[in-house]
């Protein structure tokens, strides 16, 4: 991409690589977020964000995050008002 850094890196959901048998490996949110924080520390990324997190996941993340997310991207429309997060 020939960039010095990314402005914002989103975590959509804490899943990682697919194994040879096409099953998702689930990593704990705390581990995934720590890896993302290291990208900020190393200067690869300026800010971190989350996408499609519900209230419970947001509260869990905030309980251990050293770097708080600066953005929350969620699907919201008349058929899915997502009142808990809003």
PDB file of N, CA and C in Angstrom:
ATOM      1  N   UNK A   1       0.822  -1.193   0.000  1.00  0.00           N
ATOM      2  CA  UNK A   1       0.000   0.000   0.000  1.00  0.00           C
ATOM      3  C   UNK A   1       0.865   1.255   0.000  1.00  0.00           C
ATOM      4  N   UNK A   2       2.100   1.140   0.351  1.00  0.00           N
ATOM      5  CA  UNK A   2       3.041   2.246   0.366  1.00  0.00           C
ATOM      6  C   UNK A   2       2.556   3.411   1.223  1.00  0.00           C
ATOM      7  N   UNK A   3       2.137   3.109   2.451  1.00  0.00           N
ATOM      8  CA  UNK A   3       1.685   4.114   3.402  1.00  0.00           C
ATOM      9  C   UNK A   3       2.637   4.169   4.583  1.00  0.00           C
ATOM     10  N   UNK A   4       2.717   5.318   5.210  1.00  0.00           N
ATOM     11  CA  UNK A   4       3.507   5.435   6.427  1.00  0.00           C
ATOM     12  C   UNK A   4       2.771   4.825   7.607  1.00  0.00           C
ATOM     13  N   UNK A   5       1.444   4.964   7.612  1.00  0.00           N
ATOM     14  CA  UNK A   5       0.614   4.412   8.680  1.00  0.00           C
ATOM     15  C   UNK A   5      -0.843   4.396   8.226  1.00  0.00           C
ATOM     16  N   UNK A   6      -1.674   3.671   8.974  1.00  0.00           N
ATOM     17  CA  UNK A   6      -3.124   3.712   8.773  1.00  0.00           C
ATOM     18  C   UNK A   6      -3.696   4.706   9.774  1.00  0.00           C
ATOM     19  N   UNK A   7      -4.697   5.471   9.349  1.00  0.00           N
ATOM     20  CA  UNK A   7      -5.326   6.415  10.273  1.00  0.00           C
ATOM     21  C   UNK A   7      -6.214   5.702  11.283  1.00  0.00           C
ATOM     22  N   UNK A   8      -6.931   4.654  10.842  1.00  0.00           N
ATOM     23  CA  UNK A   8      -7.870   3.976  11.719  1.00  0.00           C
ATOM     24  C   UNK A   8      -7.936   2.500  11.364  1.00  0.00           C
ATOM     25  N   UNK A   9      -7.806   1.665  12.367  1.00  0.00           N
ATOM     26  CA  UNK A   9      -7.916   0.222  12.199  1.00  0.00           C
ATOM     27  C   UNK A   9      -9.120  -0.249  12.997  1.00  0.00           C
ATOM     28  N   UNK A  10     -10.087  -0.872  12.313  1.00  0.00           N
ATOM     29  CA  UNK A  10     -11.305  -1.358  12.957  1.00  0.00           C
ATOM     30  C   UNK A  10     -11.176  -2.831  13.325  1.00  0.00           C
ATOM     31  N   UNK A  11     -11.770  -3.186  14.464  1.00  0.00           N
ATOM     32  CA  UNK A  11     -11.949  -4.585  14.831  1.00  0.00           C
ATOM     33  C   UNK A  11     -13.417  -4.906  14.617  1.00  0.00           C
ATOM     34  N   UNK A  12     -13.695  -5.711  13.609  1.00  0.00           N
ATOM     35  CA  UNK A  12     -15.076  -6.088  13.321  1.00  0.00           C
ATOM     36  C   UNK A  12     -15.556  -7.147  14.289  1.00  0.00           C
ATOM     37  N   UNK A  13     -14.725  -8.133  14.557  1.00  0.00           N
ATOM     38  CA  UNK A  13     -15.048  -9.230  15.468  1.00  0.00           C
ATOM     39  C   UNK A  13     -13.757  -9.982  15.742  1.00  0.00           C
ATOM     40  N   UNK A  14     -13.514 -10.434  16.957  1.00  0.00           N
ATOM     41  CA  UNK A  14     -12.217 -11.043  17.270  1.00  0.00           C
ATOM     42  C   UNK A  14     -12.049 -12.475  16.771  1.00  0.00           C
ATOM     43  N   UNK A  15     -12.027 -12.644  15.476  1.00  0.00           N
ATOM     44  CA  UNK A  15     -11.719 -13.924  14.869  1.00  0.00           C
ATOM     45  C   UNK A  15     -10.415 -13.809  14.097  1.00  0.00           C
ATOM     46  N   UNK A  16      -9.728 -14.915  13.958  1.00  0.00           N
ATOM     47  CA  UNK A  16      -8.458 -14.913  13.223  1.00  0.00           C
ATOM     48  C   UNK A  16      -8.487 -15.942  12.109  1.00  0.00           C
ATOM     49  N   UNK A  17      -7.346 -16.275  11.600  1.00  0.00           N
ATOM     50  CA  UNK A  17      -7.186 -17.130  10.416  1.00  0.00           C
ATOM     51  C   UNK A  17      -8.077 -18.371  10.397  1.00  0.00           C
ATOM     52  N   UNK A  18      -8.370 -18.797   9.209  1.00  0.00           N
ATOM     53  CA  UNK A  18      -9.103 -20.045   9.013  1.00  0.00           C
ATOM     54  C   UNK A  18      -8.093 -21.182   8.963  1.00  0.00           C
ATOM     55  N   UNK A  19      -8.343 -22.247   9.675  1.00  0.00           N
ATOM     56  CA  UNK A  19      -7.437 -23.397   9.656  1.00  0.00           C
ATOM     57  C   UNK A  19      -7.626 -24.179   8.363  1.00  0.00           C
ATOM     58  N   UNK A  20      -6.811 -25.184   8.186  1.00  0.00           N
ATOM     59  CA  UNK A  20      -6.904 -26.002   6.982  1.00  0.00           C
ATOM     60  C   UNK A  20      -8.259 -26.647   6.773  1.00  0.00           C
ATOM     61  N   UNK A  21      -8.987 -26.905   7.851  1.00  0.00           N
ATOM     62  CA  UNK A  21     -10.303 -27.534   7.715  1.00  0.00           C
ATOM     63  C   UNK A  21     -11.438 -26.505   7.662  1.00  0.00           C
ATOM     64  N   UNK A  22     -11.099 -25.253   7.398  1.00  0.00           N
ATOM     65  CA  UNK A  22     -12.066 -24.172   7.195  1.00  0.00           C
ATOM     66  C   UNK A  22     -12.908 -23.857   8.434  1.00  0.00           C
ATOM     67  N   UNK A  23     -12.321 -23.992   9.617  1.00  0.00           N
ATOM     68  CA  UNK A  23     -12.993 -23.615  10.849  1.00  0.00           C
ATOM     69  C   UNK A  23     -12.328 -22.360  11.405  1.00  0.00           C
ATOM     70  N   UNK A  24     -13.142 -21.466  11.954  1.00  0.00           N
ATOM     71  CA  UNK A  24     -12.594 -20.254  12.543  1.00  0.00           C
ATOM     72  C   UNK A  24     -11.977 -20.551  13.900  1.00  0.00           C
ATOM     73  N   UNK A  25     -10.821 -19.983  14.141  1.00  0.00           N
ATOM     74  CA  UNK A  25     -10.215 -20.022  15.473  1.00  0.00           C
ATOM     75  C   UNK A  25     -10.622 -18.747  16.187  1.00  0.00           C
ATOM     76  N   UNK A  26     -11.119 -18.873  17.394  1.00  0.00           N
ATOM     77  CA  UNK A  26     -11.552 -17.722  18.169  1.00  0.00           C
ATOM     78  C   UNK A  26     -10.465 -17.350  19.158  1.00  0.00           C
ATOM     79  N   UNK A  27     -10.009 -16.110  19.108  1.00  0.00           N
ATOM     80  CA  UNK A  27      -9.049 -15.604  20.087  1.00  0.00           C
ATOM     81  C   UNK A  27      -9.795 -14.703  21.060  1.00  0.00           C
ATOM     82  N   UNK A  28      -9.410 -14.716  22.331  1.00  0.00           N
ATOM     83  CA  UNK A  28     -10.057 -13.830  23.296  1.00  0.00           C
ATOM     84  C   UNK A  28      -9.908 -12.370  22.874  1.00  0.00           C
ATOM     85  N   UNK A  29     -10.941 -11.593  23.137  1.00  0.00           N
ATOM     86  CA  UNK A  29     -10.954 -10.180  22.771  1.00  0.00           C
ATOM     87  C   UNK A  29      -9.745  -9.451  23.343  1.00  0.00           C
ATOM     88  N   UNK A  30      -9.363  -9.786  24.557  1.00  0.00           N
ATOM     89  CA  UNK A  30      -8.228  -9.121  25.192  1.00  0.00           C
ATOM     90  C   UNK A  30      -6.934  -9.336  24.409  1.00  0.00           C
ATOM     91  N   UNK A  31      -6.725 -10.526  23.874  1.00  0.00           N
ATOM     92  CA  UNK A  31      -5.523 -10.815  23.076  1.00  0.00           C
ATOM     93  C   UNK A  31      -5.544 -10.055  21.749  1.00  0.00           C
ATOM     94  N   UNK A  32      -6.677 -10.075  21.096  1.00  0.00           N
ATOM     95  CA  UNK A  32      -6.795  -9.402  19.797  1.00  0.00           C
ATOM     96  C   UNK A  32      -6.570  -7.903  19.962  1.00  0.00           C
ATOM     97  N   UNK A  33      -7.200  -7.316  21.003  1.00  0.00           N
ATOM     98  CA  UNK A  33      -7.054  -5.877  21.219  1.00  0.00           C
ATOM     99  C   UNK A  33      -5.605  -5.525  21.574  1.00  0.00           C
ATOM    100  N   UNK A  34      -4.936  -6.370  22.360  1.00  0.00           N
ATOM    101  CA  UNK A  34      -3.524  -6.126  22.699  1.00  0.00           C
ATOM    102  C   UNK A  34      -2.665  -6.118  21.437  1.00  0.00           C
ATOM    103  N   UNK A  35      -2.949  -7.014  20.504  1.00  0.00           N
ATOM    104  CA  UNK A  35      -2.219  -7.028  19.232  1.00  0.00           C
ATOM    105  C   UNK A  35      -2.461  -5.736  18.456  1.00  0.00           C
ATOM    106  N   UNK A  36      -3.702  -5.264  18.479  1.00  0.00           N
ATOM    107  CA  UNK A  36      -4.007  -4.010  17.782  1.00  0.00           C
ATOM    108  C   UNK A  36      -3.329  -2.826  18.464  1.00  0.00           C
ATOM    109  N   UNK A  37      -3.299  -2.835  19.796  1.00  0.00           N
ATOM    110  CA  UNK A  37      -2.605  -1.765  20.522  1.00  0.00           C
ATOM    111  C   UNK A  37      -1.119  -1.748  20.185  1.00  0.00           C
ATOM    112  N   UNK A  38      -0.532  -2.920  19.973  1.00  0.00           N
ATOM    113  CA  UNK A  38       0.884  -2.954  19.613  1.00  0.00           C
ATOM    114  C   UNK A  38       1.121  -2.318  18.244  1.00  0.00           C
ATOM    115  N   UNK A  39       0.137  -2.390  17.364  1.00  0.00           N
ATOM    116  CA  UNK A  39       0.257  -1.721  16.061  1.00  0.00           C
ATOM    117  C   UNK A  39       0.314  -0.207  16.238  1.00  0.00           C
ATOM    118  N   UNK A  40      -0.428   0.318  17.217  1.00  0.00           N
ATOM    119  CA  UNK A  40      -0.374   1.746  17.519  1.00  0.00           C
ATOM    120  C   UNK A  40       0.983   2.091  18.126  1.00  0.00           C
ATOM    121  N   UNK A  41       1.424   1.287  19.077  1.00  0.00           N
ATOM    122  CA  UNK A  41       2.706   1.521  19.751  1.00  0.00           C
ATOM    123  C   UNK A  41       3.866   1.530  18.755  1.00  0.00           C
ATOM    124  N   UNK A  42       3.804   0.650  17.772  1.00  0.00           N
ATOM    125  CA  UNK A  42       4.859   0.567  16.760  1.00  0.00           C
ATOM    126  C   UNK A  42       4.743   1.646  15.688  1.00  0.00           C
ATOM    127  N   UNK A  43       3.651   2.397  15.693  1.00  0.00           N
ATOM    128  CA  UNK A  43       3.479   3.485  14.739  1.00  0.00           C
ATOM    129  C   UNK A  43       2.845   3.084  13.424  1.00  0.00           C
ATOM    130  N   UNK A  44       2.363   1.849  13.324  1.00  0.00           N
ATOM    131  CA  UNK A  44       1.721   1.396  12.095  1.00  0.00           C
ATOM    132  C   UNK A  44       0.319   1.980  11.940  1.00  0.00           C
ATOM    133  N   UNK A  45      -0.323   2.287  13.058  1.00  0.00           N
ATOM    134  CA  UNK A  45      -1.716   2.731  13.090  1.00  0.00           C
ATOM    135  C   UNK A  45      -1.823   3.920  14.034  1.00  0.00           C
ATOM    136  N   UNK A  46      -2.641   4.909  13.671  1.00  0.00           N
ATOM    137  CA  UNK A  46      -2.837   6.079  14.535  1.00  0.00           C
ATOM    138  C   UNK A  46      -3.946   5.861  15.560  1.00  0.00           C
ATOM    139  N   UNK A  47      -5.079   5.268  15.135  1.00  0.00           N
ATOM    140  CA  UNK A  47      -6.245   5.120  16.005  1.00  0.00           C
ATOM    141  C   UNK A  47      -6.868   3.743  15.833  1.00  0.00           C
ATOM    142  N   UNK A  48      -7.599   3.309  16.878  1.00  0.00           N
ATOM    143  CA  UNK A  48      -8.300   2.026  16.845  1.00  0.00           C
ATOM    144  C   UNK A  48      -9.801   2.263  16.961  1.00  0.00           C
ATOM    145  N   UNK A  49     -10.566   1.415  16.279  1.00  0.00           N
ATOM    146  CA  UNK A  49     -12.016   1.504  16.347  1.00  0.00           C
ATOM    147  C   UNK A  49     -12.633   0.123  16.399  1.00  0.00           C
ATOM    148  N   UNK A  50     -13.927   0.086  16.677  1.00  0.00           N
ATOM    149  CA  UNK A  50     -14.661  -1.175  16.730  1.00  0.00           C
ATOM    150  C   UNK A  50     -15.889  -1.074  15.840  1.00  0.00           C
ATOM    151  N   UNK A  51     -16.347  -2.211  15.384  1.00  0.00           N
ATOM    152  CA  UNK A  51     -17.481  -2.259  14.480  1.00  0.00           C
ATOM    153  C   UNK A  51     -18.401  -3.398  14.893  1.00  0.00           C
ATOM    154  N   UNK A  52     -19.697  -3.110  14.938  1.00  0.00           N
ATOM    155  CA  UNK A  52     -20.729  -4.103  15.257  1.00  0.00           C
ATOM    156  C   UNK A  52     -20.560  -4.729  16.628  1.00  0.00           C
ATOM    157  N   UNK A  53     -20.098  -3.973  17.594  1.00  0.00           N
ATOM    158  CA  UNK A  53     -20.003  -4.420  18.981  1.00  0.00           C
ATOM    159  C   UNK A  53     -21.295  -4.050  19.696  1.00  0.00           C
ATOM    160  N   UNK A  54     -21.797  -4.965  20.535  1.00  0.00           N
ATOM    161  CA  UNK A  54     -22.958  -4.640  21.351  1.00  0.00           C
ATOM    162  C   UNK A  54     -22.468  -4.030  22.671  1.00  0.00           C
ATOM    163  N   UNK A  55     -23.410  -3.625  23.514  1.00  0.00           N
ATOM    164  CA  UNK A  55     -23.049  -2.972  24.765  1.00  0.00           C
ATOM    165  C   UNK A  55     -22.175  -3.817  25.662  1.00  0.00           C
ATOM    166  N   UNK A  56     -22.465  -5.107  25.739  1.00  0.00           N
ATOM    167  CA  UNK A  56     -21.689  -6.011  26.593  1.00  0.00           C
ATOM    168  C   UNK A  56     -20.240  -6.106  26.117  1.00  0.00           C
ATOM    169  N   UNK A  57     -20.040  -6.239  24.811  1.00  0.00           N
ATOM    170  CA  UNK A  57     -18.673  -6.318  24.283  1.00  0.00           C
ATOM    171  C   UNK A  57     -17.920  -5.000  24.475  1.00  0.00           C
ATOM    172  N   UNK A  58     -18.634  -3.889  24.343  1.00  0.00           N
ATOM    173  CA  UNK A  58     -17.990  -2.589  24.549  1.00  0.00           C
ATOM    174  C   UNK A  58     -17.511  -2.471  25.991  1.00  0.00           C
ATOM    175  N   UNK A  59     -18.370  -2.836  26.943  1.00  0.00           N
ATOM    176  CA  UNK A  59     -17.992  -2.750  28.358  1.00  0.00           C
ATOM    177  C   UNK A  59     -16.825  -3.691  28.673  1.00  0.00           C
ATOM    178  N   UNK A  60     -16.844  -4.888  28.083  1.00  0.00           N
ATOM    179  CA  UNK A  60     -15.732  -5.824  28.282  1.00  0.00           C
ATOM    180  C   UNK A  60     -14.435  -5.220  27.764  1.00  0.00           C
ATOM    181  N   UNK A  61     -14.478  -4.680  26.568  1.00  0.00           N
ATOM    182  CA  UNK A  61     -13.290  -4.076  25.963  1.00  0.00           C
ATOM    183  C   UNK A  61     -12.755  -2.935  26.819  1.00  0.00           C
ATOM    184  N   UNK A  62     -13.637  -2.076  27.283  1.00  0.00           N
ATOM    185  CA  UNK A  62     -13.205  -0.924  28.073  1.00  0.00           C
ATOM    186  C   UNK A  62     -12.607  -1.327  29.419  1.00  0.00           C
ATOM    187  N   UNK A  63     -12.906  -2.537  29.893  1.00  0.00           N
ATOM    188  CA  UNK A  63     -12.375  -2.983  31.185  1.00  0.00           C
ATOM    189  C   UNK A  63     -10.876  -3.286  31.144  1.00  0.00           C
ATOM    190  N   UNK A  64     -10.327  -3.533  29.955  1.00  0.00           N
ATOM    191  CA  UNK A  64      -8.899  -3.863  29.879  1.00  0.00           C
ATOM    192  C   UNK A  64      -8.120  -3.053  28.854  1.00  0.00           C
ATOM    193  N   UNK A  65      -8.786  -2.317  27.997  1.00  0.00           N
ATOM    194  CA  UNK A  65      -8.097  -1.596  26.918  1.00  0.00           C
ATOM    195  C   UNK A  65      -7.198  -0.499  27.472  1.00  0.00           C
ATOM    196  N   UNK A  66      -5.950  -0.514  27.070  1.00  0.00           N
ATOM    197  CA  UNK A  66      -5.034   0.575  27.405  1.00  0.00           C
ATOM    198  C   UNK A  66      -5.265   1.747  26.459  1.00  0.00           C
ATOM    199  N   UNK A  67      -5.605   1.426  25.216  1.00  0.00           N
ATOM    200  CA  UNK A  67      -5.945   2.439  24.211  1.00  0.00           C
ATOM    201  C   UNK A  67      -7.428   2.264  23.906  1.00  0.00           C
ATOM    202  N   UNK A  68      -8.219   3.266  24.227  1.00  0.00           N
ATOM    203  CA  UNK A  68      -9.663   3.190  24.020  1.00  0.00           C
ATOM    204  C   UNK A  68      -9.993   3.376  22.543  1.00  0.00           C
ATOM    205  N   UNK A  69     -11.052   2.727  22.054  1.00  0.00           N
ATOM    206  CA  UNK A  69     -11.453   2.932  20.659  1.00  0.00           C
ATOM    207  C   UNK A  69     -11.956   4.358  20.454  1.00  0.00           C
ATOM    208  N   UNK A  70     -11.633   4.926  19.309  1.00  0.00           N
ATOM    209  CA  UNK A  70     -12.073   6.293  19.004  1.00  0.00           C
ATOM    210  C   UNK A  70     -13.296   6.306  18.106  1.00  0.00           C
ATOM    211  N   UNK A  71     -13.678   5.154  17.572  1.00  0.00           N
ATOM    212  CA  UNK A  71     -14.818   5.089  16.657  1.00  0.00           C
ATOM    213  C   UNK A  71     -15.608   3.806  16.893  1.00  0.00           C
ATOM    214  N   UNK A  72     -16.925   3.921  16.728  1.00  0.00           N
ATOM    215  CA  UNK A  72     -17.822   2.776  16.793  1.00  0.00           C
ATOM    216  C   UNK A  72     -18.698   2.824  15.548  1.00  0.00           C
ATOM    217  N   UNK A  73     -18.606   1.801  14.743  1.00  0.00           N
ATOM    218  CA  UNK A  73     -19.407   1.711  13.519  1.00  0.00           C
ATOM    219  C   UNK A  73     -20.414   0.586  13.702  1.00  0.00           C
ATOM    220  N   UNK A  74     -21.703   0.923  13.668  1.00  0.00           N
ATOM    221  CA  UNK A  74     -22.752  -0.076  13.826  1.00  0.00           C
ATOM    222  C   UNK A  74     -23.842   0.133  12.790  1.00  0.00           C
ATOM    223  N   UNK A  75     -24.491  -0.945  12.438  1.00  0.00           N
ATOM    224  CA  UNK A  75     -25.630  -0.885  11.526  1.00  0.00           C
ATOM    225  C   UNK A  75     -26.842  -0.376  12.302  1.00  0.00           C
ATOM    226  N   UNK A  76     -27.423   0.716  11.840  1.00  0.00           N
ATOM    227  CA  UNK A  76     -28.606   1.292  12.476  1.00  0.00           C
ATOM    228  C   UNK A  76     -29.538   1.794  11.379  1.00  0.00           C
ATOM    229  N   UNK A  77     -30.786   1.345  11.440  1.00  0.00           N
ATOM    230  CA  UNK A  77     -31.813   1.796  10.511  1.00  0.00           C
ATOM    231  C   UNK A  77     -33.173   1.447  11.116  1.00  0.00           C
ATOM    232  N   UNK A  78     -34.295   1.866  10.492  1.00  0.00           N
ATOM    233  CA  UNK A  78     -35.616   1.631  11.093  1.00  0.00           C
ATOM    234  C   UNK A  78     -35.915   0.169  11.422  1.00  0.00           C
ATOM    235  N   UNK A  79     -35.369  -0.761  10.671  1.00  0.00           N
ATOM    236  CA  UNK A  79     -35.624  -2.172  10.934  1.00  0.00           C
ATOM    237  C   UNK A  79     -34.645  -2.774  11.948  1.00  0.00           C
ATOM    238  N   UNK A  80     -33.578  -2.047  12.271  1.00  0.00           N
ATOM    239  CA  UNK A  80     -32.602  -2.465  13.264  1.00  0.00           C
ATOM    240  C   UNK A  80     -32.139  -1.205  14.007  1.00  0.00           C
ATOM    241  N   UNK A  81     -32.964  -0.712  14.953  1.00  0.00           N
ATOM    242  CA  UNK A  81     -32.629   0.569  15.611  1.00  0.00           C
ATOM    243  C   UNK A  81     -31.431   0.494  16.547  1.00  0.00           C
ATOM    244  N   UNK A  82     -31.100  -0.697  17.049  1.00  0.00           N
ATOM    245  CA  UNK A  82     -29.923  -0.894  17.897  1.00  0.00           C
ATOM    246  C   UNK A  82     -29.912   0.101  19.070  1.00  0.00           C
ATOM    247  N   UNK A  83     -31.052   0.227  19.742  1.00  0.00           N
ATOM    248  CA  UNK A  83     -31.231   1.214  20.817  1.00  0.00           C
ATOM    249  C   UNK A  83     -30.239   1.050  21.958  1.00  0.00           C
ATOM    250  N   UNK A  84     -29.858  -0.163  22.300  1.00  0.00           N
ATOM    251  CA  UNK A  84     -28.937  -0.380  23.411  1.00  0.00           C
ATOM    252  C   UNK A  84     -27.621   0.338  23.195  1.00  0.00           C
ATOM    253  N   UNK A  85     -27.096   0.269  21.990  1.00  0.00           N
ATOM    254  CA  UNK A  85     -25.806   0.884  21.697  1.00  0.00           C
ATOM    255  C   UNK A  85     -25.943   2.396  21.500  1.00  0.00           C
ATOM    256  N   UNK A  86     -27.015   2.793  20.830  1.00  0.00           N
ATOM    257  CA  UNK A  86     -27.226   4.228  20.586  1.00  0.00           C
ATOM    258  C   UNK A  86     -27.391   4.941  21.903  1.00  0.00           C
TER     259      UNK A  86
END
